[in-house]
N, C-alpha and C. Protein backbone atom coordinates (compact mmCIF):
# COMPACT_ATOMS: atom_id res chain seq x y z
N MET A 1 86.73 162.02 19.46
CA MET A 1 86.05 162.71 18.38
C MET A 1 85.35 163.94 18.93
N SER A 2 86.12 164.84 19.47
CA SER A 2 85.52 165.99 20.15
C SER A 2 84.94 167.01 19.16
N GLY A 3 85.51 167.16 17.98
CA GLY A 3 85.04 168.19 17.06
C GLY A 3 84.00 167.71 16.06
N HIS A 4 83.67 166.44 16.09
CA HIS A 4 82.81 165.88 15.06
C HIS A 4 81.40 166.49 15.09
N SER A 5 80.76 166.49 16.25
CA SER A 5 79.39 167.01 16.31
C SER A 5 79.37 168.52 16.13
N LYS A 6 80.44 169.20 16.53
CA LYS A 6 80.52 170.65 16.33
C LYS A 6 80.50 170.97 14.83
N TRP A 7 81.26 170.24 14.03
CA TRP A 7 81.29 170.47 12.59
C TRP A 7 79.93 170.17 11.95
N ALA A 8 79.26 169.15 12.43
CA ALA A 8 77.95 168.81 11.89
C ALA A 8 76.95 169.94 12.14
N GLN A 9 77.02 170.55 13.32
CA GLN A 9 76.14 171.66 13.65
C GLN A 9 76.45 172.87 12.75
N ILE A 10 77.71 173.18 12.58
CA ILE A 10 78.12 174.30 11.72
C ILE A 10 77.65 174.05 10.29
N LYS A 11 77.80 172.82 9.82
CA LYS A 11 77.42 172.47 8.45
C LYS A 11 75.92 172.66 8.23
N ARG A 12 75.11 172.28 9.20
CA ARG A 12 73.66 172.46 9.07
C ARG A 12 73.29 173.95 9.05
N GLN A 13 73.90 174.74 9.94
CA GLN A 13 73.61 176.17 9.99
C GLN A 13 74.06 176.86 8.71
N LYS A 14 75.22 176.46 8.21
CA LYS A 14 75.73 177.06 6.98
C LYS A 14 74.83 176.73 5.79
N GLY A 15 74.32 175.51 5.76
CA GLY A 15 73.42 175.12 4.67
C GLY A 15 72.17 175.97 4.64
N VAL A 16 71.59 176.25 5.79
CA VAL A 16 70.38 177.07 5.88
C VAL A 16 70.69 178.50 5.45
N ALA A 17 71.82 179.05 5.95
CA ALA A 17 72.20 180.42 5.60
C ALA A 17 72.49 180.55 4.11
N ASP A 18 73.15 179.56 3.54
CA ASP A 18 73.46 179.60 2.10
C ASP A 18 72.19 179.52 1.26
N ALA A 19 71.22 178.75 1.69
CA ALA A 19 69.96 178.65 0.96
C ALA A 19 69.22 179.99 0.96
N ARG A 20 69.20 180.66 2.11
CA ARG A 20 68.55 181.98 2.19
C ARG A 20 69.28 182.98 1.30
N ARG A 21 70.60 182.96 1.36
CA ARG A 21 71.40 183.88 0.56
C ARG A 21 71.16 183.63 -0.94
N GLY A 22 71.04 182.39 -1.32
CA GLY A 22 70.78 182.05 -2.71
C GLY A 22 69.43 182.55 -3.18
N GLN A 23 68.42 182.46 -2.32
CA GLN A 23 67.09 182.95 -2.68
C GLN A 23 67.09 184.45 -2.88
N ILE A 24 67.79 185.18 -2.01
CA ILE A 24 67.88 186.63 -2.13
C ILE A 24 68.60 187.01 -3.41
N PHE A 25 69.69 186.33 -3.70
CA PHE A 25 70.46 186.62 -4.92
C PHE A 25 69.61 186.37 -6.16
N THR A 26 68.84 185.30 -6.16
CA THR A 26 67.99 184.98 -7.30
C THR A 26 66.92 186.06 -7.50
N LYS A 27 66.29 186.51 -6.42
CA LYS A 27 65.26 187.55 -6.53
C LYS A 27 65.87 188.83 -7.08
N CYS A 28 67.05 189.21 -6.60
CA CYS A 28 67.70 190.44 -7.06
C CYS A 28 68.08 190.34 -8.53
N SER A 29 68.63 189.22 -8.94
CA SER A 29 69.07 189.08 -10.32
C SER A 29 67.88 189.04 -11.28
N VAL A 30 66.78 188.41 -10.88
CA VAL A 30 65.59 188.36 -11.74
C VAL A 30 64.99 189.75 -11.88
N SER A 31 64.92 190.51 -10.78
CA SER A 31 64.34 191.85 -10.87
C SER A 31 65.23 192.77 -11.69
N THR A 32 66.55 192.61 -11.59
CA THR A 32 67.48 193.42 -12.39
C THR A 32 67.33 193.09 -13.87
N ALA A 33 67.21 191.83 -14.18
CA ALA A 33 67.06 191.42 -15.58
C ALA A 33 65.76 191.94 -16.17
N SER A 34 64.68 191.89 -15.41
CA SER A 34 63.41 192.38 -15.93
C SER A 34 63.43 193.90 -16.08
N LEU A 35 64.12 194.60 -15.18
CA LEU A 35 64.26 196.05 -15.30
C LEU A 35 65.04 196.41 -16.56
N LEU A 36 66.11 195.71 -16.82
CA LEU A 36 66.89 195.96 -18.03
C LEU A 36 66.08 195.67 -19.29
N ALA A 37 65.30 194.61 -19.26
CA ALA A 37 64.48 194.27 -20.43
C ALA A 37 63.43 195.35 -20.68
N ARG A 38 62.79 195.85 -19.61
CA ARG A 38 61.80 196.91 -19.78
C ARG A 38 62.44 198.19 -20.29
N THR A 39 63.62 198.53 -19.78
CA THR A 39 64.32 199.73 -20.21
C THR A 39 64.69 199.64 -21.68
N PHE A 40 65.19 198.50 -22.11
CA PHE A 40 65.56 198.30 -23.50
C PHE A 40 64.32 198.37 -24.39
N ALA A 41 63.22 197.79 -23.93
CA ALA A 41 61.98 197.83 -24.72
C ALA A 41 61.48 199.27 -24.87
N GLN A 42 61.61 200.07 -23.83
CA GLN A 42 61.19 201.47 -23.90
C GLN A 42 62.07 202.24 -24.88
N GLN A 43 63.35 201.93 -24.91
CA GLN A 43 64.26 202.59 -25.84
C GLN A 43 63.88 202.24 -27.28
N LEU A 44 63.50 201.00 -27.51
CA LEU A 44 63.09 200.60 -28.85
C LEU A 44 61.79 201.28 -29.25
N ASP A 45 60.89 201.48 -28.28
CA ASP A 45 59.62 202.14 -28.57
C ASP A 45 59.85 203.61 -28.95
N THR A 46 60.80 204.26 -28.30
CA THR A 46 61.04 205.68 -28.60
C THR A 46 61.72 205.85 -29.95
N ASN A 47 62.46 204.87 -30.40
CA ASN A 47 63.09 204.90 -31.72
C ASN A 47 62.18 204.13 -32.68
N HIS A 48 61.38 204.85 -33.43
CA HIS A 48 60.34 204.22 -34.22
C HIS A 48 60.87 203.44 -35.42
N SER A 49 61.95 203.89 -36.00
CA SER A 49 62.48 203.15 -37.14
C SER A 49 63.85 202.60 -36.80
N GLY A 50 64.25 201.56 -37.48
CA GLY A 50 65.56 200.96 -37.25
C GLY A 50 66.69 201.91 -37.58
N GLU A 51 66.46 202.79 -38.54
CA GLU A 51 67.50 203.72 -38.94
C GLU A 51 67.85 204.69 -37.81
N GLU A 52 66.84 205.20 -37.12
CA GLU A 52 67.09 206.09 -35.99
C GLU A 52 67.84 205.36 -34.89
N PHE A 53 67.51 204.09 -34.68
CA PHE A 53 68.18 203.32 -33.65
C PHE A 53 69.65 203.14 -33.99
N GLU A 54 69.94 202.87 -35.27
CA GLU A 54 71.34 202.69 -35.68
C GLU A 54 72.11 203.98 -35.51
N VAL A 55 71.52 205.12 -35.85
CA VAL A 55 72.20 206.41 -35.69
C VAL A 55 72.48 206.69 -34.23
N SER A 56 71.49 206.42 -33.35
CA SER A 56 71.71 206.69 -31.95
C SER A 56 72.75 205.74 -31.36
N ALA A 57 72.83 204.52 -31.87
CA ALA A 57 73.84 203.58 -31.39
C ALA A 57 75.23 204.02 -31.83
N ILE A 58 75.36 204.56 -33.02
CA ILE A 58 76.65 205.01 -33.52
C ILE A 58 77.08 206.27 -32.79
N ALA A 59 76.14 207.12 -32.45
CA ALA A 59 76.46 208.39 -31.77
C ALA A 59 77.03 208.15 -30.39
N ARG A 60 76.70 207.06 -29.79
CA ARG A 60 77.21 206.77 -28.43
C ARG A 60 78.61 206.37 -28.55
């Protein structure tokens, strides 16, 4: 069983690396989502009435 302990070591290292990568991905996706939400809210604030918003949406 020469490769058994080698695989166990790789598996442990990969688990740690995957956990770090997952945390980074989560932070990036949450910050992107909040940025999009703020941008959309600002667009709604600049368009004071729903009618203006509909016209600007159609113009695009």
